[in-house]
PDB file of N, CA and C in Angstrom:
ATOM      1  N   MET A   1    -123.855 111.748  56.227  1.00  0.00           N
ATOM      2  CA  MET A   1    -122.857 111.738  57.288  1.00  0.00           C
ATOM      3  C   MET A   1    -123.560 111.434  58.618  1.00  0.00           C
ATOM      4  N   VAL A   2    -123.100 110.409  59.288  1.00  0.00           N
ATOM      5  CA  VAL A   2    -123.667 109.999  60.560  1.00  0.00           C
ATOM      6  C   VAL A   2    -122.919 110.714  61.682  1.00  0.00           C
ATOM      7  N   ASN A   3    -123.666 111.337  62.610  1.00  0.00           N
ATOM      8  CA  ASN A   3    -122.998 112.037  63.703  1.00  0.00           C
ATOM      9  C   ASN A   3    -122.402 111.026  64.688  1.00  0.00           C
ATOM     10  N   GLU A   4    -121.562 111.503  65.566  1.00  0.00           N
ATOM     11  CA  GLU A   4    -120.817 110.631  66.476  1.00  0.00           C
ATOM     12  C   GLU A   4    -121.733 109.838  67.409  1.00  0.00           C
ATOM     13  N   LYS A   5    -122.761 110.469  67.939  1.00  0.00           N
ATOM     14  CA  LYS A   5    -123.685 109.792  68.845  1.00  0.00           C
ATOM     15  C   LYS A   5    -124.408 108.658  68.119  1.00  0.00           C
ATOM     16  N   LEU A   6    -124.910 108.941  66.921  1.00  0.00           N
ATOM     17  CA  LEU A   6    -125.597 107.923  66.140  1.00  0.00           C
ATOM     18  C   LEU A   6    -124.625 106.804  65.753  1.00  0.00           C
ATOM     19  N   ALA A   7    -123.404 107.146  65.417  1.00  0.00           N
ATOM     20  CA  ALA A   7    -122.405 106.131  65.064  1.00  0.00           C
ATOM     21  C   ALA A   7    -122.178 105.165  66.229  1.00  0.00           C
ATOM     22  N   ARG A   8    -122.153 105.675  67.449  1.00  0.00           N
ATOM     23  CA  ARG A   8    -121.978 104.812  68.629  1.00  0.00           C
ATOM     24  C   ARG A   8    -123.182 103.884  68.802  1.00  0.00           C
ATOM     25  N   ILE A   9    -124.371 104.406  68.580  1.00  0.00           N
ATOM     26  CA  ILE A   9    -125.584 103.587  68.712  1.00  0.00           C
ATOM     27  C   ILE A   9    -125.590 102.498  67.640  1.00  0.00           C
ATOM     28  N   LEU A  10    -125.217 102.840  66.423  1.00  0.00           N
ATOM     29  CA  LEU A  10    -125.154 101.850  65.350  1.00  0.00           C
ATOM     30  C   LEU A  10    -124.106 100.778  65.651  1.00  0.00           C
ATOM     31  N   TYR A  11    -122.993 101.194  66.219  1.00  0.00           N
ATOM     32  CA  TYR A  11    -121.960 100.230  66.601  1.00  0.00           C
ATOM     33  C   TYR A  11    -122.492  99.285  67.679  1.00  0.00           C
ATOM     34  N   ARG A  12    -123.213  99.821  68.642  1.00  0.00           N
ATOM     35  CA  ARG A  12    -123.809  98.983  69.682  1.00  0.00           C
ATOM     36  C   ARG A  12    -124.828  98.017  69.089  1.00  0.00           C
ATOM     37  N   PHE A  13    -125.571  98.456  68.060  1.00  0.00           N
ATOM     38  CA  PHE A  13    -126.502  97.582  67.352  1.00  0.00           C
ATOM     39  C   PHE A  13    -125.734  96.405  66.733  1.00  0.00           C
ATOM     40  N   GLU A  14    -124.600  96.701  66.101  1.00  0.00           N
ATOM     41  CA  GLU A  14    -123.752  95.646  65.528  1.00  0.00           C
ATOM     42  C   GLU A  14    -123.352  94.625  66.585  1.00  0.00           C
ATOM     43  N   ILE A  15    -122.846  95.119  67.706  1.00  0.00           N
ATOM     44  CA  ILE A  15    -122.381  94.243  68.783  1.00  0.00           C
ATOM     45  C   ILE A  15    -123.530  93.392  69.314  1.00  0.00           C
ATOM     46  N   ALA A  16    -124.688  94.005  69.512  1.00  0.00           N
ATOM     47  CA  ALA A  16    -125.849  93.279  70.028  1.00  0.00           C
ATOM     48  C   ALA A  16    -126.336  92.236  69.023  1.00  0.00           C
ATOM     49  N   ALA A  17    -126.303  92.549  67.738  1.00  0.00           N
ATOM     50  CA  ALA A  17    -126.713  91.582  66.714  1.00  0.00           C
ATOM     51  C   ALA A  17    -125.794  90.365  66.731  1.00  0.00           C
ATOM     52  N   LYS A  18    -124.500  90.588  66.868  1.00  0.00           N
ATOM     53  CA  LYS A  18    -123.545  89.478  66.949  1.00  0.00           C
ATOM     54  C   LYS A  18    -123.774  88.656  68.213  1.00  0.00           C
ATOM     55  N   ALA A  19    -123.994  89.337  69.333  1.00  0.00           N
ATOM     56  CA  ALA A  19    -124.225  88.644  70.606  1.00  0.00           C
ATOM     57  C   ALA A  19    -125.528  87.849  70.566  1.00  0.00           C
ATOM     58  N   HIS A  20    -126.551  88.405  69.929  1.00  0.00           N
ATOM     59  CA  HIS A  20    -127.835  87.713  69.792  1.00  0.00           C
ATOM     60  C   HIS A  20    -127.648  86.422  69.002  1.00  0.00           C
ATOM     61  N   TYR A  21    -126.960  86.509  67.886  1.00  0.00           N
ATOM     62  CA  TYR A  21    -126.738  85.326  67.058  1.00  0.00           C
ATOM     63  C   TYR A  21    -125.905  84.287  67.810  1.00  0.00           C
ATOM     64  N   ALA A  22    -124.877  84.733  68.500  1.00  0.00           N
ATOM     65  CA  ALA A  22    -124.042  83.796  69.268  1.00  0.00           C
ATOM     66  C   ALA A  22    -124.885  83.082  70.326  1.00  0.00           C
ATOM     67  N   ALA A  23    -125.768  83.805  70.987  1.00  0.00           N
ATOM     68  CA  ALA A  23    -126.633  83.195  72.001  1.00  0.00           C
ATOM     69  C   ALA A  23    -127.578  82.181  71.366  1.00  0.00           C
ATOM     70  N   LEU A  24    -128.100  82.487  70.196  1.00  0.00           N
ATOM     71  CA  LEU A  24    -128.961  81.531  69.500  1.00  0.00           C
ATOM     72  C   LEU A  24    -128.181  80.268  69.133  1.00  0.00           C
ATOM     73  N   GLU A  25    -126.992  80.450  68.642  1.00  0.00           N
ATOM     74  CA  GLU A  25    -126.144  79.311  68.279  1.00  0.00           C
ATOM     75  C   GLU A  25    -125.828  78.436  69.494  1.00  0.00           C
ATOM     76  N   GLU A  26    -125.644  79.075  70.635  1.00  0.00           N
ATOM     77  CA  GLU A  26    -125.345  78.349  71.877  1.00  0.00           C
ATOM     78  C   GLU A  26    -126.610  77.841  72.560  1.00  0.00           C
ATOM     79  N   MET A  27    -127.772  78.151  71.969  1.00  0.00           N
ATOM     80  CA  MET A  27    -129.079  77.800  72.531  1.00  0.00           C
ATOM     81  C   MET A  27    -129.256  78.354  73.934  1.00  0.00           C
ATOM     82  N   ASN A  28    -128.782  79.585  74.108  1.00  0.00           N
ATOM     83  CA  ASN A  28    -128.914  80.297  75.369  1.00  0.00           C
ATOM     84  C   ASN A  28    -130.085  81.271  75.233  1.00  0.00           C
ATOM     85  N   ALA A  29    -131.276  80.761  75.521  1.00  0.00           N
ATOM     86  CA  ALA A  29    -132.500  81.539  75.306  1.00  0.00           C
ATOM     87  C   ALA A  29    -132.529  82.817  76.135  1.00  0.00           C
ATOM     88  N   GLU A  30    -132.056  82.750  77.357  1.00  0.00           N
ATOM     89  CA  GLU A  30    -132.075  83.932  78.227  1.00  0.00           C
ATOM     90  C   GLU A  30    -131.215  85.058  77.647  1.00  0.00           C
ATOM     91  N   GLU A  31    -130.018  84.712  77.203  1.00  0.00           N
ATOM     92  CA  GLU A  31    -129.127  85.728  76.626  1.00  0.00           C
ATOM     93  C   GLU A  31    -129.665  86.223  75.284  1.00  0.00           C
ATOM     94  N   ALA A  32    -130.220  85.334  74.483  1.00  0.00           N
ATOM     95  CA  ALA A  32    -130.794  85.739  73.198  1.00  0.00           C
ATOM     96  C   ALA A  32    -131.928  86.732  73.419  1.00  0.00           C
ATOM     97  N   GLU A  33    -132.767  86.472  74.407  1.00  0.00           N
ATOM     98  CA  GLU A  33    -133.882  87.379  74.712  1.00  0.00           C
ATOM     99  C   GLU A  33    -133.353  88.725  75.215  1.00  0.00           C
ATOM    100  N   HIS A  34    -132.335  88.668  76.055  1.00  0.00           N
ATOM    101  CA  HIS A  34    -131.728  89.914  76.544  1.00  0.00           C
ATOM    102  C   HIS A  34    -131.205  90.751  75.375  1.00  0.00           C
ATOM    103  N   GLN A  35    -130.467  90.113  74.480  1.00  0.00           N
ATOM    104  CA  GLN A  35    -129.908  90.846  73.337  1.00  0.00           C
ATOM    105  C   GLN A  35    -131.005  91.345  72.401  1.00  0.00           C
ATOM    106  N   ALA A  36    -132.093  90.592  72.276  1.00  0.00           N
ATOM    107  CA  ALA A  36    -133.225  91.049  71.462  1.00  0.00           C
ATOM    108  C   ALA A  36    -133.814  92.328  72.042  1.00  0.00           C
ATOM    109  N   ARG A  37    -133.908  92.395  73.366  1.00  0.00           N
ATOM    110  CA  ARG A  37    -134.417  93.627  74.007  1.00  0.00           C
ATOM    111  C   ARG A  37    -133.451  94.786  73.775  1.00  0.00           C
ATOM    112  N   VAL A  38    -132.157  94.516  73.882  1.00  0.00           N
ATOM    113  CA  VAL A  38    -131.150  95.559  73.626  1.00  0.00           C
ATOM    114  C   VAL A  38    -131.289  96.074  72.198  1.00  0.00           C
ATOM    115  N   ILE A  39    -131.399  95.156  71.254  1.00  0.00           N
ATOM    116  CA  ILE A  39    -131.534  95.528  69.845  1.00  0.00           C
ATOM    117  C   ILE A  39    -132.781  96.382  69.639  1.00  0.00           C
ATOM    118  N   SER A  40    -133.885  95.985  70.241  1.00  0.00           N
ATOM    119  CA  SER A  40    -135.130  96.740  70.114  1.00  0.00           C
ATOM    120  C   SER A  40    -134.982  98.158  70.657  1.00  0.00           C
ATOM    121  N   GLN A  41    -134.323  98.287  71.797  1.00  0.00           N
ATOM    122  CA  GLN A  41    -134.102  99.615  72.381  1.00  0.00           C
ATOM    123  C   GLN A  41    -133.192 100.464  71.498  1.00  0.00           C
ATOM    124  N   LEU A  42    -132.145  99.853  70.968  1.00  0.00           N
ATOM    125  CA  LEU A  42    -131.240 100.582  70.081  1.00  0.00           C
ATOM    126  C   LEU A  42    -131.949 100.998  68.801  1.00  0.00           C
ATOM    127  N   TYR A  43    -132.778 100.112  68.276  1.00  0.00           N
ATOM    128  CA  TYR A  43    -133.558 100.430  67.080  1.00  0.00           C
ATOM    129  C   TYR A  43    -134.415 101.680  67.317  1.00  0.00           C
ATOM    130  N   ALA A  44    -135.069 101.738  68.462  1.00  0.00           N
ATOM    131  CA  ALA A  44    -135.906 102.902  68.777  1.00  0.00           C
ATOM    132  C   ALA A  44    -135.064 104.178  68.776  1.00  0.00           C
ATOM    133  N   ARG A  45    -133.875 104.103  69.326  1.00  0.00           N
ATOM    134  CA  ARG A  45    -133.002 105.277  69.344  1.00  0.00           C
ATOM    135  C   ARG A  45    -132.518 105.635  67.945  1.00  0.00           C
ATOM    136  N   ILE A  46    -132.230 104.609  67.151  1.00  0.00           N
ATOM    137  CA  ILE A  46    -131.741 104.842  65.788  1.00  0.00           C
ATOM    138  C   ILE A  46    -132.812 105.541  64.954  1.00  0.00           C
ATOM    139  N   VAL A  47    -134.021 105.020  64.954  1.00  0.00           N
ATOM    140  CA  VAL A  47    -135.063 105.617  64.101  1.00  0.00           C
ATOM    141  C   VAL A  47    -135.540 106.960  64.630  1.00  0.00           C
ATOM    142  N   SER A  48    -135.328 107.213  65.921  1.00  0.00           N
ATOM    143  CA  SER A  48    -135.693 108.533  66.432  1.00  0.00           C
ATOM    144  C   SER A  48    -134.767 109.617  65.878  1.00  0.00           C
ATOM    145  N   SER A  49    -133.663 109.190  65.259  1.00  0.00           N
ATOM    146  CA  SER A  49    -132.740 110.124  64.609  1.00  0.00           C
ATOM    147  C   SER A  49    -133.213 110.513  63.221  1.00  0.00           C
ATOM    148  N   GLY A  50    -134.360 110.000  62.818  1.00  0.00           N
ATOM    149  CA  GLY A  50    -134.916 110.352  61.520  1.00  0.00           C
ATOM    150  C   GLY A  50    -134.252 109.629  60.369  1.00  0.00           C
ATOM    151  N   GLU A  51    -134.268 110.273  59.233  1.00  0.00           N
ATOM    152  CA  GLU A  51    -133.743 109.666  58.007  1.00  0.00           C
ATOM    153  C   GLU A  51    -132.274 109.279  58.154  1.00  0.00           C
ATOM    154  N   GLN A  52    -131.515 110.083  58.853  1.00  0.00           N
ATOM    155  CA  GLN A  52    -130.097 109.778  59.054  1.00  0.00           C
ATOM    156  C   GLN A  52    -129.938 108.448  59.797  1.00  0.00           C
ATOM    157  N   GLY A  53    -130.756 108.211  60.789  1.00  0.00           N
ATOM    158  CA  GLY A  53    -130.707 106.958  61.539  1.00  0.00           C
ATOM    159  C   GLY A  53    -131.148 105.777  60.686  1.00  0.00           C
ATOM    160  N   ARG A  54    -132.229 105.943  59.953  1.00  0.00           N
ATOM    161  CA  ARG A  54    -132.711 104.857  59.089  1.00  0.00           C
ATOM    162  C   ARG A  54    -131.685 104.520  58.017  1.00  0.00           C
ATOM    163  N   GLN A  55    -131.046 105.533  57.465  1.00  0.00           N
ATOM    164  CA  GLN A  55    -130.005 105.314  56.457  1.00  0.00           C
ATOM    165  C   GLN A  55    -128.809 104.592  57.080  1.00  0.00           C
ATOM    166  N   GLY A  56    -128.403 105.032  58.266  1.00  0.00           N
ATOM    167  CA  GLY A  56    -127.285 104.374  58.947  1.00  0.00           C
ATOM    168  C   GLY A  56    -127.582 102.911  59.246  1.00  0.00           C
ATOM    169  N   LEU A  57    -128.801 102.643  59.673  1.00  0.00           N
ATOM    170  CA  LEU A  57    -129.208 101.266  59.942  1.00  0.00           C
ATOM    171  C   LEU A  57    -129.163 100.445  58.667  1.00  0.00           C
ATOM    172  N   PHE A  58    -129.712 100.984  57.581  1.00  0.00           N
ATOM    173  CA  PHE A  58    -129.716 100.231  56.333  1.00  0.00           C
ATOM    174  C   PHE A  58    -128.298  99.967  55.837  1.00  0.00           C
ATOM    175  N   LEU A  59    -127.388 100.896  56.055  1.00  0.00           N
ATOM    176  CA  LEU A  59    -126.000 100.688  55.621  1.00  0.00           C
ATOM    177  C   LEU A  59    -125.362  99.495  56.329  1.00  0.00           C
ATOM    178  N   LEU A  60    -125.893  99.132  57.493  1.00  0.00           N
ATOM    179  CA  LEU A  60    -125.377  97.942  58.179  1.00  0.00           C
ATOM    180  C   LEU A  60    -125.693  96.657  57.420  1.00  0.00           C
ATOM    181  N   THR A  61    -126.596  96.724  56.445  1.00  0.00           N
ATOM    182  CA  THR A  61    -126.862  95.535  55.626  1.00  0.00           C
ATOM    183  C   THR A  61    -125.674  95.211  54.725  1.00  0.00           C
ATOM    184  N   LEU A  62    -124.726  96.128  54.635  1.00  0.00           N
ATOM    185  CA  LEU A  62    -123.509  95.890  53.858  1.00  0.00           C
ATOM    186  C   LEU A  62    -122.412  95.261  54.703  1.00  0.00           C
ATOM    187  N   ASN A  63    -122.674  95.079  55.988  1.00  0.00           N
ATOM    188  CA  ASN A  63    -121.693  94.522  56.908  1.00  0.00           C
ATOM    189  C   ASN A  63    -121.311  93.106  56.480  1.00  0.00           C
ATOM    190  N   ALA A  64    -120.045  92.782  56.607  1.00  0.00           N
ATOM    191  CA  ALA A  64    -119.557  91.453  56.224  1.00  0.00           C
ATOM    192  C   ALA A  64    -120.089  90.359  57.144  1.00  0.00           C
ATOM    193  N   ASP A  65    -120.439  90.716  58.369  1.00  0.00           N
ATOM    194  CA  ASP A  65    -120.971  89.733  59.308  1.00  0.00           C
ATOM    195  C   ASP A  65    -122.445  89.497  58.980  1.00  0.00           C
ATOM    196  N   LYS A  66    -122.795  88.259  58.646  1.00  0.00           N
ATOM    197  CA  LYS A  66    -124.168  87.951  58.231  1.00  0.00           C
ATOM    198  C   LYS A  66    -125.182  88.207  59.341  1.00  0.00           C
ATOM    199  N   ALA A  67    -124.782  88.059  60.593  1.00  0.00           N
ATOM    200  CA  ALA A  67    -125.714  88.317  61.697  1.00  0.00           C
ATOM    201  C   ALA A  67    -126.082  89.796  61.747  1.00  0.00           C
ATOM    202  N   VAL A  68    -125.114  90.649  61.550  1.00  0.00           N
ATOM    203  CA  VAL A  68    -125.359  92.099  61.543  1.00  0.00           C
ATOM    204  C   VAL A  68    -126.157  92.477  60.303  1.00  0.00           C
ATOM    205  N   CYS A  69    -125.734  91.981  59.166  1.00  0.00           N
ATOM    206  CA  CYS A  69    -126.400  92.256  57.898  1.00  0.00           C
ATOM    207  C   CYS A  69    -127.875  91.866  57.969  1.00  0.00           C
ATOM    208  N   GLY A  70    -128.153  90.670  58.461  1.00  0.00           N
ATOM    209  CA  GLY A  70    -129.529  90.181  58.541  1.00  0.00           C
ATOM    210  C   GLY A  70    -130.376  90.964  59.522  1.00  0.00           C
ATOM    211  N   MET A  71    -129.813  91.269  60.680  1.00  0.00           N
ATOM    212  CA  MET A  71    -130.582  92.016  61.684  1.00  0.00           C
ATOM    213  C   MET A  71    -130.888  93.416  61.172  1.00  0.00           C
ATOM    214  N   ALA A  72    -129.929  94.033  60.516  1.00  0.00           N
ATOM    215  CA  ALA A  72    -130.169  95.369  59.957  1.00  0.00           C
ATOM    216  C   ALA A  72    -131.242  95.316  58.872  1.00  0.00           C
ATOM    217  N   ALA A  73    -131.241  94.266  58.076  1.00  0.00           N
ATOM    218  CA  ALA A  73    -132.260  94.128  57.032  1.00  0.00           C
ATOM    219  C   ALA A  73    -133.642  93.950  57.651  1.00  0.00           C
ATOM    220  N   VAL A  74    -133.726  93.121  58.671  1.00  0.00           N
ATOM    221  CA  VAL A  74    -135.011  92.900  59.351  1.00  0.00           C
ATOM    222  C   VAL A  74    -135.556  94.212  59.901  1.00  0.00           C
ATOM    223  N   TYR A  75    -134.708  94.975  60.550  1.00  0.00           N
ATOM    224  CA  TYR A  75    -135.156  96.222  61.156  1.00  0.00           C
ATOM    225  C   TYR A  75    -135.314  97.357  60.138  1.00  0.00           C
ATOM    226  N   SER A  76    -134.879  97.132  58.898  1.00  0.00           N
ATOM    227  CA  SER A  76    -135.052  98.128  57.840  1.00  0.00           C
ATOM    228  C   SER A  76    -136.269  97.850  56.963  1.00  0.00           C
ATOM    229  N   LEU A  77    -136.937  96.735  57.193  1.00  0.00           N
ATOM    230  CA  LEU A  77    -138.071  96.353  56.344  1.00  0.00           C
ATOM    231  C   LEU A  77    -139.136  97.438  56.232  1.00  0.00           C
ATOM    232  N   ARG A  78    -139.470  98.046  57.338  1.00  0.00           N
ATOM    233  CA  ARG A  78    -140.545  99.045  57.324  1.00  0.00           C
ATOM    234  C   ARG A  78    -140.186 100.269  56.478  1.00  0.00           C
ATOM    235  N   TYR A  79    -138.919 100.641  56.433  1.00  0.00           N
ATOM    236  CA  TYR A  79    -138.497 101.878  55.783  1.00  0.00           C
ATOM    237  C   TYR A  79    -137.954 101.677  54.375  1.00  0.00           C
ATOM    238  N   ARG A  80    -137.362 100.513  54.127  1.00  0.00           N
ATOM    239  CA  ARG A  80    -136.784 100.221  52.808  1.00  0.00           C
ATOM    240  C   ARG A  80    -137.116  98.785  52.441  1.00  0.00           C
ATOM    241  N   PRO A  81    -138.409  98.488  52.293  1.00  0.00           N
ATOM    242  CA  PRO A  81    -138.823  97.091  52.137  1.00  0.00           C
ATOM    243  C   PRO A  81    -138.205  96.372  50.943  1.00  0.00           C
ATOM    244  N   GLU A  82    -138.153  96.993  49.804  1.00  0.00           N
ATOM    245  CA  GLU A  82    -137.627  96.298  48.622  1.00  0.00           C
ATOM    246  C   GLU A  82    -136.155  95.957  48.796  1.00  0.00           C
ATOM    247  N   GLU A  83    -135.368  96.924  49.263  1.00  0.00           N
ATOM    248  CA  GLU A  83    -133.937  96.689  49.450  1.00  0.00           C
ATOM    249  C   GLU A  83    -133.677  95.695  50.579  1.00  0.00           C
ATOM    250  N   ALA A  84    -134.420  95.827  51.675  1.00  0.00           N
ATOM    251  CA  ALA A  84    -134.245  94.919  52.812  1.00  0.00           C
ATOM    252  C   ALA A  84    -134.641  93.497  52.425  1.00  0.00           C
ATOM    253  N   LEU A  85    -135.725  93.345  51.672  1.00  0.00           N
ATOM    254  CA  LEU A  85    -136.131  92.008  51.212  1.00  0.00           C
ATOM    255  C   LEU A  85    -135.076  91.398  50.299  1.00  0.00           C
ATOM    256  N   ALA A  86    -134.444  92.204  49.471  1.00  0.00           N
ATOM    257  CA  ALA A  86    -133.379  91.690  48.605  1.00  0.00           C
ATOM    258  C   ALA A  86    -132.230  91.133  49.442  1.00  0.00           C
ATOM    259  N   VAL A  87    -131.874  91.838  50.492  1.00  0.00           N
ATOM    260  CA  VAL A  87    -130.816  91.359  51.392  1.00  0.00           C
ATOM    261  C   VAL A  87    -131.250  90.058  52.063  1.00  0.00           C
ATOM    262  N   LEU A  88    -132.480  90.034  52.574  1.00  0.00           N
ATOM    263  CA  LEU A  88    -132.974  88.830  53.241  1.00  0.00           C
ATOM    264  C   LEU A  88    -133.082  87.653  52.277  1.00  0.00           C
ATOM    265  N   ARG A  89    -133.470  87.897  51.053  1.00  0.00           N
ATOM    266  CA  ARG A  89    -133.537  86.810  50.067  1.00  0.00           C
ATOM    267  C   ARG A  89    -132.156  86.226  49.803  1.00  0.00           C
ATOM    268  N   ARG A  90    -131.173  87.108  49.720  1.00  0.00           N
ATOM    269  CA  ARG A  90    -129.797  86.626  49.522  1.00  0.00           C
ATOM    270  C   ARG A  90    -129.358  85.785  50.714  1.00  0.00           C
ATOM    271  N   LEU A  91    -129.626  86.262  51.926  1.00  0.00           N
ATOM    272  CA  LEU A  91    -129.237  85.526  53.124  1.00  0.00           C
ATOM    273  C   LEU A  91    -130.022  84.226  53.265  1.00  0.00           C
ATOM    274  N   SER A  92    -131.257  84.198  52.786  1.00  0.00           N
ATOM    275  CA  SER A  92    -132.078  82.993  52.934  1.00  0.00           C
ATOM    276  C   SER A  92    -131.530  81.815  52.125  1.00  0.00           C
ATOM    277  N   MET A  93    -130.617  82.078  51.227  1.00  0.00           N
ATOM    278  CA  MET A  93    -129.985  81.014  50.451  1.00  0.00           C
ATOM    279  C   MET A  93    -128.916  80.275  51.258  1.00  0.00           C
ATOM    280  N   GLU A  94    -128.515  80.863  52.377  1.00  0.00           N
ATOM    281  CA  GLU A  94    -127.512  80.224  53.237  1.00  0.00           C
ATOM    282  C   GLU A  94    -128.130  79.000  53.917  1.00  0.00           C
ATOM    283  N   GLU A  95    -127.355  77.972  54.082  1.00  0.00           N
ATOM    284  CA  GLU A  95    -127.839  76.745  54.721  1.00  0.00           C
ATOM    285  C   GLU A  95    -127.418  76.719  56.185  1.00  0.00           C
ATOM    286  N   ASP A  96    -127.841  77.730  56.906  1.00  0.00           N
ATOM    287  CA  ASP A  96    -127.517  77.823  58.323  1.00  0.00           C
ATOM    288  C   ASP A  96    -128.657  78.539  59.038  1.00  0.00           C
ATOM    289  N   LEU A  97    -128.452  78.840  60.302  1.00  0.00           N
ATOM    290  CA  LEU A  97    -129.486  79.497  61.088  1.00  0.00           C
ATOM    291  C   LEU A  97    -129.852  80.865  60.510  1.00  0.00           C
ATOM    292  N   ILE A  98    -128.871  81.568  60.000  1.00  0.00           N
ATOM    293  CA  ILE A  98    -129.153  82.884  59.415  1.00  0.00           C
ATOM    294  C   ILE A  98    -130.058  82.738  58.195  1.00  0.00           C
ATOM    295  N   GLY A  99    -129.787  81.761  57.359  1.00  0.00           N
ATOM    296  CA  GLY A  99    -130.629  81.516  56.196  1.00  0.00           C
ATOM    297  C   GLY A  99    -132.053  81.175  56.585  1.00  0.00           C
ATOM    298  N   PHE A 100    -132.187  80.333  57.599  1.00  0.00           N
ATOM    299  CA  PHE A 100    -133.509  79.957  58.087  1.00  0.00           C
ATOM    300  C   PHE A 100    -134.260  81.173  58.615  1.00  0.00           C
ATOM    301  N   ARG A 101    -133.593  81.960  59.449  1.00  0.00           N
ATOM    302  CA  ARG A 101    -134.234  83.137  60.052  1.00  0.00           C
ATOM    303  C   ARG A 101    -134.591  84.178  58.987  1.00  0.00           C
ATOM    304  N   ALA A 102    -133.729  84.349  57.982  1.00  0.00           N
ATOM    305  CA  ALA A 102    -134.025  85.292  56.900  1.00  0.00           C
ATOM    306  C   ALA A 102    -135.264  84.831  56.131  1.00  0.00           C
ATOM    307  N   GLY A 103    -135.341  83.545  55.847  1.00  0.00           N
ATOM    308  CA  GLY A 103    -136.503  83.008  55.151  1.00  0.00           C
ATOM    309  C   GLY A 103    -137.783  83.187  55.954  1.00  0.00           C
ATOM    310  N   PHE A 104    -137.692  82.984  57.254  1.00  0.00           N
ATOM    311  CA  PHE A 104    -138.849  83.149  58.133  1.00  0.00           C
ATOM    312  C   PHE A 104    -139.291  84.616  58.170  1.00  0.00           C
ATOM    313  N   ALA A 105    -138.339  85.525  58.219  1.00  0.00           N
ATOM    314  CA  ALA A 105    -138.666  86.960  58.218  1.00  0.00           C
ATOM    315  C   ALA A 105    -139.386  87.338  56.925  1.00  0.00           C
ATOM    316  N   ILE A 106    -138.918  86.809  55.815  1.00  0.00           N
ATOM    317  CA  ILE A 106    -139.568  87.081  54.527  1.00  0.00           C
ATOM    318  C   ILE A 106    -141.001  86.567  54.541  1.00  0.00           C
ATOM    319  N   GLN A 107    -141.199  85.349  55.023  1.00  0.00           N
ATOM    320  CA  GLN A 107    -142.545  84.770  55.094  1.00  0.00           C
ATOM    321  C   GLN A 107    -143.477  85.641  55.931  1.00  0.00           C
ATOM    322  N   ARG A 108    -143.008  86.065  57.101  1.00  0.00           N
ATOM    323  CA  ARG A 108    -143.840  86.905  57.975  1.00  0.00           C
ATOM    324  C   ARG A 108    -144.169  88.227  57.308  1.00  0.00           C
ATOM    325  N   TRP A 109    -143.192  88.836  56.647  1.00  0.00           N
ATOM    326  CA  TRP A 109    -143.415  90.114  55.969  1.00  0.00           C
ATOM    327  C   TRP A 109    -144.456  89.946  54.864  1.00  0.00           C
ATOM    328  N   GLU A 110    -144.275  88.922  54.048  1.00  0.00           N
ATOM    329  CA  GLU A 110    -145.184  88.722  52.927  1.00  0.00           C
ATOM    330  C   GLU A 110    -146.590  88.326  53.372  1.00  0.00           C
ATOM    331  N   ALA A 111    -146.702  87.712  54.548  1.00  0.00           N
ATOM    332  CA  ALA A 111    -148.008  87.331  55.082  1.00  0.00           C
ATOM    333  C   ALA A 111    -148.693  88.494  55.811  1.00  0.00           C
ATOM    334  N   GLY A 112    -147.989  89.622  55.920  1.00  0.00           N
ATOM    335  CA  GLY A 112    -148.548  90.785  56.606  1.00  0.00           C
ATOM    336  C   GLY A 112    -148.535  90.649  58.119  1.00  0.00           C
ATOM    337  N   GLU A 113    -147.692  89.770  58.640  1.00  0.00           N
ATOM    338  CA  GLU A 113    -147.619  89.525  60.080  1.00  0.00           C
ATOM    339  C   GLU A 113    -146.502  90.315  60.751  1.00  0.00           C
ATOM    340  N   TRP A 114    -145.884  91.210  60.034  1.00  0.00           N
ATOM    341  CA  TRP A 114    -144.690  91.876  60.536  1.00  0.00           C
ATOM    342  C   TRP A 114    -145.052  93.001  61.493  1.00  0.00           C
ATOM    343  N   ASP A 115    -144.464  92.966  62.669  1.00  0.00           N
ATOM    344  CA  ASP A 115    -144.647  94.049  63.644  1.00  0.00           C
ATOM    345  C   ASP A 115    -143.368  94.155  64.452  1.00  0.00           C
ATOM    346  N   ILE A 116    -142.459  94.986  64.040  1.00  0.00           N
ATOM    347  CA  ILE A 116    -141.150  95.087  64.672  1.00  0.00           C
ATOM    348  C   ILE A 116    -141.138  96.081  65.821  1.00  0.00           C
ATOM    349  N   ASP A 117    -142.128  96.935  65.912  1.00  0.00           N
ATOM    350  CA  ASP A 117    -142.127  97.909  67.004  1.00  0.00           C
ATOM    351  C   ASP A 117    -142.459  97.180  68.249  1.00  0.00           C
TER     352      ASP A 117
END
């Protein structure tokens, strides 16, 4: 059970993930960078909630929006690598920006180059 405060933070993560993807699609680098910083800050707050936060974040990989699903998988790699990689592998089959980014995330993870903090 996710508490109300954590639920609001997770919802904000969803909104920021969608805004980040929209900015990338529009090739608005400034807005994409802004949303990336927001996502990073929200991630820090989510994981500071402990297992409940990490579980809530991972549950966002079930979101119907591929941008939210992918971002949640990327940020869940450290805590649930096998499950997060499965989500990213599924998304990497898409022939769009999300598929490309999911494939790139997998490559970085497998090469040991991953540093999300």
